Amino acid sequence: MDDNTIKFAVPMEHEQEMKHILSTVYQSLTEKGYNPINQIVGYLLSEDPTYITNYNNARSLICKLDRDELLQELVRHYLFN
């Protein structure tokens, strides 16, 4: 077992794409009457795409994102913005 910490980094060019996709998914869930925060959290915890509506292609969009990268960006944004 290696005691060294593994370094994880998200390429900066993905930030805008992630923001756009997450905003689109949020809006689609809202328009369909879902609680978008609960649905997105359900997806992030389970990686089950059925938490996300197909409306406006939201499910396909969120599946394009790497879940680990998205979680890292969300935590970074929460802590520093």
PDB file of N, CA and C in Angstrom:
ATOM      1  N   MET A   1       0.849  -1.183   0.000  1.00  0.00           N
ATOM      2  CA  MET A   1       0.000   0.000   0.000  1.00  0.00           C
ATOM      3  C   MET A   1       0.885   1.234   0.000  1.00  0.00           C
ATOM      4  N   ASP A   2       0.558   2.174  -0.839  1.00  0.00           N
ATOM      5  CA  ASP A   2       1.313   3.412  -0.974  1.00  0.00           C
ATOM      6  C   ASP A   2       0.706   4.476  -0.074  1.00  0.00           C
ATOM      7  N   ASP A   3       1.530   5.102   0.756  1.00  0.00           N
ATOM      8  CA  ASP A   3       1.037   6.134   1.668  1.00  0.00           C
ATOM      9  C   ASP A   3       0.991   7.524   1.054  1.00  0.00           C
ATOM     10  N   ASN A   4       1.425   7.643  -0.194  1.00  0.00           N
ATOM     11  CA  ASN A   4       1.415   8.950  -0.848  1.00  0.00           C
ATOM     12  C   ASN A   4       0.004   9.321  -1.290  1.00  0.00           C
ATOM     13  N   THR A   5      -0.305  10.585  -1.197  1.00  0.00           N
ATOM     14  CA  THR A   5      -1.599  11.092  -1.635  1.00  0.00           C
ATOM     15  C   THR A   5      -1.603  11.205  -3.154  1.00  0.00           C
ATOM     16  N   ILE A   6      -2.666  10.745  -3.763  1.00  0.00           N
ATOM     17  CA  ILE A   6      -2.795  10.844  -5.214  1.00  0.00           C
ATOM     18  C   ILE A   6      -3.299  12.229  -5.568  1.00  0.00           C
ATOM     19  N   LYS A   7      -2.665  12.833  -6.546  1.00  0.00           N
ATOM     20  CA  LYS A   7      -3.048  14.169  -6.988  1.00  0.00           C
ATOM     21  C   LYS A   7      -4.077  14.050  -8.110  1.00  0.00           C
ATOM     22  N   PHE A   8      -5.144  14.831  -8.010  1.00  0.00           N
ATOM     23  CA  PHE A   8      -6.238  14.782  -8.972  1.00  0.00           C
ATOM     24  C   PHE A   8      -6.459  16.193  -9.494  1.00  0.00           C
ATOM     25  N   ALA A   9      -6.550  16.368 -10.790  1.00  0.00           N
ATOM     26  CA  ALA A   9      -6.750  17.705 -11.359  1.00  0.00           C
ATOM     27  C   ALA A   9      -7.735  17.643 -12.522  1.00  0.00           C
ATOM     28  N   VAL A  10      -8.578  18.659 -12.600  1.00  0.00           N
ATOM     29  CA  VAL A  10      -9.526  18.809 -13.706  1.00  0.00           C
ATOM     30  C   VAL A  10      -8.959  19.839 -14.664  1.00  0.00           C
ATOM     31  N   PRO A  11      -8.847  19.512 -15.951  1.00  0.00           N
ATOM     32  CA  PRO A  11      -8.375  20.508 -16.911  1.00  0.00           C
ATOM     33  C   PRO A  11      -9.295  21.729 -16.925  1.00  0.00           C
ATOM     34  N   MET A  12      -8.715  22.908 -16.965  1.00  0.00           N
ATOM     35  CA  MET A  12      -9.475  24.159 -16.889  1.00  0.00           C
ATOM     36  C   MET A  12     -10.489  24.318 -18.025  1.00  0.00           C
ATOM     37  N   GLU A  13     -10.200  23.762 -19.199  1.00  0.00           N
ATOM     38  CA  GLU A  13     -11.115  23.939 -20.326  1.00  0.00           C
ATOM     39  C   GLU A  13     -12.447  23.229 -20.113  1.00  0.00           C
ATOM     40  N   HIS A  14     -12.506  22.312 -19.180  1.00  0.00           N
ATOM     41  CA  HIS A  14     -13.754  21.588 -18.914  1.00  0.00           C
ATOM     42  C   HIS A  14     -14.714  22.379 -18.023  1.00  0.00           C
ATOM     43  N   GLU A  15     -14.223  23.389 -17.335  1.00  0.00           N
ATOM     44  CA  GLU A  15     -15.058  24.119 -16.385  1.00  0.00           C
ATOM     45  C   GLU A  15     -16.283  24.746 -17.039  1.00  0.00           C
ATOM     46  N   GLN A  16     -16.091  25.424 -18.149  1.00  0.00           N
ATOM     47  CA  GLN A  16     -17.215  26.091 -18.818  1.00  0.00           C
ATOM     48  C   GLN A  16     -18.207  25.080 -19.372  1.00  0.00           C
ATOM     49  N   GLU A  17     -17.700  23.984 -19.908  1.00  0.00           N
ATOM     50  CA  GLU A  17     -18.587  22.930 -20.411  1.00  0.00           C
ATOM     51  C   GLU A  17     -19.407  22.337 -19.273  1.00  0.00           C
ATOM     52  N   MET A  18     -18.757  22.068 -18.135  1.00  0.00           N
ATOM     53  CA  MET A  18     -19.470  21.526 -16.982  1.00  0.00           C
ATOM     54  C   MET A  18     -20.548  22.485 -16.514  1.00  0.00           C
ATOM     55  N   LYS A  19     -20.217  23.763 -16.446  1.00  0.00           N
ATOM     56  CA  LYS A  19     -21.180  24.764 -15.987  1.00  0.00           C
ATOM     57  C   LYS A  19     -22.385  24.805 -16.925  1.00  0.00           C
ATOM     58  N   HIS A  20     -22.119  24.811 -18.210  1.00  0.00           N
ATOM     59  CA  HIS A  20     -23.198  24.861 -19.199  1.00  0.00           C
ATOM     60  C   HIS A  20     -24.097  23.622 -19.085  1.00  0.00           C
ATOM     61  N   ILE A  21     -23.496  22.451 -19.011  1.00  0.00           N
ATOM     62  CA  ILE A  21     -24.266  21.212 -18.932  1.00  0.00           C
ATOM     63  C   ILE A  21     -25.064  21.163 -17.636  1.00  0.00           C
ATOM     64  N   LEU A  22     -24.433  21.483 -16.520  1.00  0.00           N
ATOM     65  CA  LEU A  22     -25.132  21.437 -15.238  1.00  0.00           C
ATOM     66  C   LEU A  22     -26.289  22.439 -15.206  1.00  0.00           C
ATOM     67  N   SER A  23     -26.096  23.622 -15.782  1.00  0.00           N
ATOM     68  CA  SER A  23     -27.165  24.623 -15.852  1.00  0.00           C
ATOM     69  C   SER A  23     -28.323  24.134 -16.712  1.00  0.00           C
ATOM     70  N   THR A  24     -28.006  23.503 -17.830  1.00  0.00           N
ATOM     71  CA  THR A  24     -29.037  22.970 -18.721  1.00  0.00           C
ATOM     72  C   THR A  24     -29.827  21.861 -18.033  1.00  0.00           C
ATOM     73  N   VAL A  25     -29.120  20.964 -17.351  1.00  0.00           N
ATOM     74  CA  VAL A  25     -29.772  19.872 -16.628  1.00  0.00           C
ATOM     75  C   VAL A  25     -30.660  20.436 -15.522  1.00  0.00           C
ATOM     76  N   TYR A  26     -30.147  21.403 -14.773  1.00  0.00           N
ATOM     77  CA  TYR A  26     -30.917  22.041 -13.696  1.00  0.00           C
ATOM     78  C   TYR A  26     -32.206  22.642 -14.253  1.00  0.00           C
ATOM     79  N   GLN A  27     -32.090  23.382 -15.338  1.00  0.00           N
ATOM     80  CA  GLN A  27     -33.259  24.033 -15.950  1.00  0.00           C
ATOM     81  C   GLN A  27     -34.266  23.000 -16.454  1.00  0.00           C
ATOM     82  N   SER A  28     -33.781  21.946 -17.065  1.00  0.00           N
ATOM     83  CA  SER A  28     -34.670  20.898 -17.580  1.00  0.00           C
ATOM     84  C   SER A  28     -35.428  20.216 -16.451  1.00  0.00           C
ATOM     85  N   LEU A  29     -34.738  19.919 -15.364  1.00  0.00           N
ATOM     86  CA  LEU A  29     -35.396  19.299 -14.208  1.00  0.00           C
ATOM     87  C   LEU A  29     -36.440  20.235 -13.601  1.00  0.00           C
ATOM     88  N   THR A  30     -36.105  21.517 -13.525  1.00  0.00           N
ATOM     89  CA  THR A  30     -37.040  22.514 -12.997  1.00  0.00           C
ATOM     90  C   THR A  30     -38.293  22.596 -13.867  1.00  0.00           C
ATOM     91  N   GLU A  31     -38.090  22.656 -15.180  1.00  0.00           N
ATOM     92  CA  GLU A  31     -39.218  22.758 -16.109  1.00  0.00           C
ATOM     93  C   GLU A  31     -40.144  21.548 -16.031  1.00  0.00           C
ATOM     94  N   LYS A  32     -39.592  20.387 -15.721  1.00  0.00           N
ATOM     95  CA  LYS A  32     -40.409  19.177 -15.616  1.00  0.00           C
ATOM     96  C   LYS A  32     -41.019  18.997 -14.225  1.00  0.00           C
ATOM     97  N   GLY A  33     -40.743  19.924 -13.293  1.00  0.00           N
ATOM     98  CA  GLY A  33     -41.367  19.891 -11.985  1.00  0.00           C
ATOM     99  C   GLY A  33     -40.616  19.107 -10.923  1.00  0.00           C
ATOM    100  N   TYR A  34     -39.386  18.718 -11.213  1.00  0.00           N
ATOM    101  CA  TYR A  34     -38.573  17.997 -10.235  1.00  0.00           C
ATOM    102  C   TYR A  34     -37.821  18.975  -9.343  1.00  0.00           C
ATOM    103  N   ASN A  35     -37.373  18.492  -8.182  1.00  0.00           N
ATOM    104  CA  ASN A  35     -36.453  19.265  -7.356  1.00  0.00           C
ATOM    105  C   ASN A  35     -35.064  19.000  -7.935  1.00  0.00           C
ATOM    106  N   PRO A  36     -34.494  19.966  -8.660  1.00  0.00           N
ATOM    107  CA  PRO A  36     -33.250  19.703  -9.392  1.00  0.00           C
ATOM    108  C   PRO A  36     -32.060  19.360  -8.493  1.00  0.00           C
ATOM    109  N   ILE A  37     -31.983  19.958  -7.320  1.00  0.00           N
ATOM    110  CA  ILE A  37     -30.870  19.664  -6.415  1.00  0.00           C
ATOM    111  C   ILE A  37     -30.939  18.204  -5.973  1.00  0.00           C
ATOM    112  N   ASN A  38     -32.106  17.767  -5.538  1.00  0.00           N
ATOM    113  CA  ASN A  38     -32.260  16.372  -5.101  1.00  0.00           C
ATOM    114  C   ASN A  38     -31.953  15.388  -6.225  1.00  0.00           C
ATOM    115  N   GLN A  39     -32.422  15.685  -7.414  1.00  0.00           N
ATOM    116  CA  GLN A  39     -32.205  14.788  -8.546  1.00  0.00           C
ATOM    117  C   GLN A  39     -30.734  14.720  -8.937  1.00  0.00           C
ATOM    118  N   ILE A  40     -30.060  15.861  -8.966  1.00  0.00           N
ATOM    119  CA  ILE A  40     -28.636  15.884  -9.335  1.00  0.00           C
ATOM    120  C   ILE A  40     -27.807  15.176  -8.269  1.00  0.00           C
ATOM    121  N   VAL A  41     -28.121  15.407  -6.998  1.00  0.00           N
ATOM    122  CA  VAL A  41     -27.408  14.717  -5.914  1.00  0.00           C
ATOM    123  C   VAL A  41     -27.637  13.204  -6.023  1.00  0.00           C
ATOM    124  N   GLY A  42     -28.855  12.792  -6.288  1.00  0.00           N
ATOM    125  CA  GLY A  42     -29.139  11.369  -6.474  1.00  0.00           C
ATOM    126  C   GLY A  42     -28.293  10.776  -7.582  1.00  0.00           C
ATOM    127  N   TYR A  43     -28.185  11.494  -8.683  1.00  0.00           N
ATOM    128  CA  TYR A  43     -27.353  11.035  -9.798  1.00  0.00           C
ATOM    129  C   TYR A  43     -25.885  10.954  -9.389  1.00  0.00           C
ATOM    130  N   LEU A  44     -25.383  11.990  -8.726  1.00  0.00           N
ATOM    131  CA  LEU A  44     -23.972  12.014  -8.341  1.00  0.00           C
ATOM    132  C   LEU A  44     -23.626  10.894  -7.359  1.00  0.00           C
ATOM    133  N   LEU A  45     -24.528  10.605  -6.441  1.00  0.00           N
ATOM    134  CA  LEU A  45     -24.259   9.554  -5.457  1.00  0.00           C
ATOM    135  C   LEU A  45     -24.349   8.151  -6.053  1.00  0.00           C
ATOM    136  N   SER A  46     -25.280   7.967  -6.964  1.00  0.00           N
ATOM    137  CA  SER A  46     -25.539   6.622  -7.478  1.00  0.00           C
ATOM    138  C   SER A  46     -24.973   6.373  -8.879  1.00  0.00           C
ATOM    139  N   GLU A  47     -24.748   7.433  -9.621  1.00  0.00           N
ATOM    140  CA  GLU A  47     -24.385   7.397 -11.040  1.00  0.00           C
ATOM    141  C   GLU A  47     -25.475   6.705 -11.866  1.00  0.00           C
ATOM    142  N   ASP A  48     -26.699   6.748 -11.353  1.00  0.00           N
ATOM    143  CA  ASP A  48     -27.851   6.198 -12.060  1.00  0.00           C
ATOM    144  C   ASP A  48     -28.473   7.324 -12.884  1.00  0.00           C
ATOM    145  N   PRO A  49     -28.376   7.265 -14.201  1.00  0.00           N
ATOM    146  CA  PRO A  49     -28.859   8.371 -15.037  1.00  0.00           C
ATOM    147  C   PRO A  49     -30.366   8.577 -15.006  1.00  0.00           C
ATOM    148  N   THR A  50     -31.117   7.618 -14.461  1.00  0.00           N
ATOM    149  CA  THR A  50     -32.569   7.790 -14.433  1.00  0.00           C
ATOM    150  C   THR A  50     -33.007   8.868 -13.442  1.00  0.00           C
ATOM    151  N   TYR A  51     -32.096   9.375 -12.625  1.00  0.00           N
ATOM    152  CA  TYR A  51     -32.407  10.534 -11.780  1.00  0.00           C
ATOM    153  C   TYR A  51     -32.575  11.800 -12.619  1.00  0.00           C
ATOM    154  N   ILE A  52     -32.079  11.775 -13.840  1.00  0.00           N
ATOM    155  CA  ILE A  52     -32.100  12.949 -14.715  1.00  0.00           C
ATOM    156  C   ILE A  52     -33.103  12.717 -15.839  1.00  0.00           C
ATOM    157  N   THR A  53     -33.930  13.705 -16.083  1.00  0.00           N
ATOM    158  CA  THR A  53     -34.940  13.621 -17.131  1.00  0.00           C
ATOM    159  C   THR A  53     -34.302  13.563 -18.527  1.00  0.00           C
ATOM    160  N   ASN A  54     -35.016  12.942 -19.460  1.00  0.00           N
ATOM    161  CA  ASN A  54     -34.594  12.966 -20.863  1.00  0.00           C
ATOM    162  C   ASN A  54     -34.959  14.288 -21.538  1.00  0.00           C
ATOM    163  N   TYR A  55     -35.820  15.051 -20.902  1.00  0.00           N
ATOM    164  CA  TYR A  55     -36.290  16.325 -21.451  1.00  0.00           C
ATOM    165  C   TYR A  55     -35.093  17.210 -21.813  1.00  0.00           C
ATOM    166  N   ASN A  56     -35.128  17.822 -22.979  1.00  0.00           N
ATOM    167  CA  ASN A  56     -34.059  18.686 -23.495  1.00  0.00           C
ATOM    168  C   ASN A  56     -32.709  17.970 -23.562  1.00  0.00           C
ATOM    169  N   ASN A  57     -32.744  16.637 -23.679  1.00  0.00           N
ATOM    170  CA  ASN A  57     -31.520  15.855 -23.799  1.00  0.00           C
ATOM    171  C   ASN A  57     -30.639  15.932 -22.546  1.00  0.00           C
ATOM    172  N   ALA A  58     -31.250  16.259 -21.400  1.00  0.00           N
ATOM    173  CA  ALA A  58     -30.485  16.483 -20.163  1.00  0.00           C
ATOM    174  C   ALA A  58     -29.738  15.232 -19.716  1.00  0.00           C
ATOM    175  N   ARG A  59     -30.350  14.080 -19.836  1.00  0.00           N
ATOM    176  CA  ARG A  59     -29.696  12.846 -19.395  1.00  0.00           C
ATOM    177  C   ARG A  59     -28.440  12.570 -20.218  1.00  0.00           C
ATOM    178  N   SER A  60     -28.535  12.721 -21.515  1.00  0.00           N
ATOM    179  CA  SER A  60     -27.364  12.513 -22.374  1.00  0.00           C
ATOM    180  C   SER A  60     -26.264  13.518 -22.061  1.00  0.00           C
ATOM    181  N   LEU A  61     -26.662  14.742 -21.799  1.00  0.00           N
ATOM    182  CA  LEU A  61     -25.669  15.773 -21.491  1.00  0.00           C
ATOM    183  C   LEU A  61     -24.899  15.457 -20.216  1.00  0.00           C
ATOM    184  N   ILE A  62     -25.605  15.130 -19.151  1.00  0.00           N
ATOM    185  CA  ILE A  62     -24.911  14.903 -17.881  1.00  0.00           C
ATOM    186  C   ILE A  62     -24.040  13.649 -17.943  1.00  0.00           C
ATOM    187  N   CYS A  63     -24.421  12.693 -18.767  1.00  0.00           N
ATOM    188  CA  CYS A  63     -23.611  11.484 -18.909  1.00  0.00           C
ATOM    189  C   CYS A  63     -22.301  11.747 -19.653  1.00  0.00           C
ATOM    190  N   LYS A  64     -22.200  12.874 -20.322  1.00  0.00           N
ATOM    191  CA  LYS A  64     -20.944  13.256 -20.995  1.00  0.00           C
ATOM    192  C   LYS A  64     -19.877  13.689 -19.997  1.00  0.00           C
ATOM    193  N   LEU A  65     -20.308  14.078 -18.805  1.00  0.00           N
ATOM    194  CA  LEU A  65     -19.371  14.579 -17.805  1.00  0.00           C
ATOM    195  C   LEU A  65     -18.804  13.442 -16.972  1.00  0.00           C
ATOM    196  N   ASP A  66     -17.538  13.573 -16.621  1.00  0.00           N
ATOM    197  CA  ASP A  66     -16.930  12.643 -15.680  1.00  0.00           C
ATOM    198  C   ASP A  66     -17.413  13.021 -14.291  1.00  0.00           C
ATOM    199  N   ARG A  67     -18.009  12.078 -13.610  1.00  0.00           N
ATOM    200  CA  ARG A  67     -18.604  12.367 -12.301  1.00  0.00           C
ATOM    201  C   ARG A  67     -17.569  12.852 -11.291  1.00  0.00           C
ATOM    202  N   ASP A  68     -16.384  12.274 -11.286  1.00  0.00           N
ATOM    203  CA  ASP A  68     -15.332  12.704 -10.359  1.00  0.00           C
ATOM    204  C   ASP A  68     -14.910  14.145 -10.622  1.00  0.00           C
ATOM    205  N   GLU A  69     -14.772  14.493 -11.897  1.00  0.00           N
ATOM    206  CA  GLU A  69     -14.406  15.862 -12.250  1.00  0.00           C
ATOM    207  C   GLU A  69     -15.501  16.839 -11.833  1.00  0.00           C
ATOM    208  N   LEU A  70     -16.739  16.451 -12.054  1.00  0.00           N
ATOM    209  CA  LEU A  70     -17.858  17.309 -11.679  1.00  0.00           C
ATOM    210  C   LEU A  70     -17.905  17.515 -10.165  1.00  0.00           C
ATOM    211  N   LEU A  71     -17.723  16.455  -9.411  1.00  0.00           N
ATOM    212  CA  LEU A  71     -17.711  16.579  -7.950  1.00  0.00           C
ATOM    213  C   LEU A  71     -16.566  17.466  -7.479  1.00  0.00           C
ATOM    214  N   GLN A  72     -15.407  17.308  -8.083  1.00  0.00           N
ATOM    215  CA  GLN A  72     -14.274  18.147  -7.709  1.00  0.00           C
ATOM    216  C   GLN A  72     -14.577  19.619  -7.977  1.00  0.00           C
ATOM    217  N   GLU A  73     -15.143  19.897  -9.115  1.00  0.00           N
ATOM    218  CA  GLU A  73     -15.456  21.284  -9.463  1.00  0.00           C
ATOM    219  C   GLU A  73     -16.518  21.859  -8.534  1.00  0.00           C
ATOM    220  N   LEU A  74     -17.516  21.068  -8.181  1.00  0.00           N
ATOM    221  CA  LEU A  74     -18.552  21.535  -7.265  1.00  0.00           C
ATOM    222  C   LEU A  74     -17.973  21.851  -5.883  1.00  0.00           C
ATOM    223  N   VAL A  75     -17.113  20.996  -5.384  1.00  0.00           N
ATOM    224  CA  VAL A  75     -16.489  21.243  -4.078  1.00  0.00           C
ATOM    225  C   VAL A  75     -15.598  22.478  -4.143  1.00  0.00           C
ATOM    226  N   ARG A  76     -14.808  22.597  -5.213  1.00  0.00           N
ATOM    227  CA  ARG A  76     -13.943  23.766  -5.367  1.00  0.00           C
ATOM    228  C   ARG A  76     -14.755  25.053  -5.392  1.00  0.00           C
ATOM    229  N   HIS A  77     -15.826  25.040  -6.158  1.00  0.00           N
ATOM    230  CA  HIS A  77     -16.676  26.226  -6.260  1.00  0.00           C
ATOM    231  C   HIS A  77     -17.315  26.556  -4.904  1.00  0.00           C
ATOM    232  N   TYR A  78     -17.753  25.544  -4.206  1.00  0.00           N
ATOM    233  CA  TYR A  78     -18.381  25.755  -2.894  1.00  0.00           C
ATOM    234  C   TYR A  78     -17.398  26.383  -1.897  1.00  0.00           C
ATOM    235  N   LEU A  79     -16.175  25.910  -1.909  1.00  0.00           N
ATOM    236  CA  LEU A  79     -15.190  26.386  -0.937  1.00  0.00           C
ATOM    237  C   LEU A  79     -14.593  27.746  -1.273  1.00  0.00           C
ATOM    238  N   PHE A  80     -14.489  28.065  -2.559  1.00  0.00           N
ATOM    239  CA  PHE A  80     -13.744  29.268  -2.936  1.00  0.00           C
ATOM    240  C   PHE A  80     -14.571  30.368  -3.593  1.00  0.00           C
ATOM    241  N   ASN A  81     -15.858  30.170  -3.755  1.00  0.00           N
ATOM    242  CA  ASN A  81     -16.704  31.229  -4.362  1.00  0.00           C
ATOM    243  C   ASN A  81     -17.856  31.570  -3.466  1.00  0.00           C
TER     244      ASN A  81
END
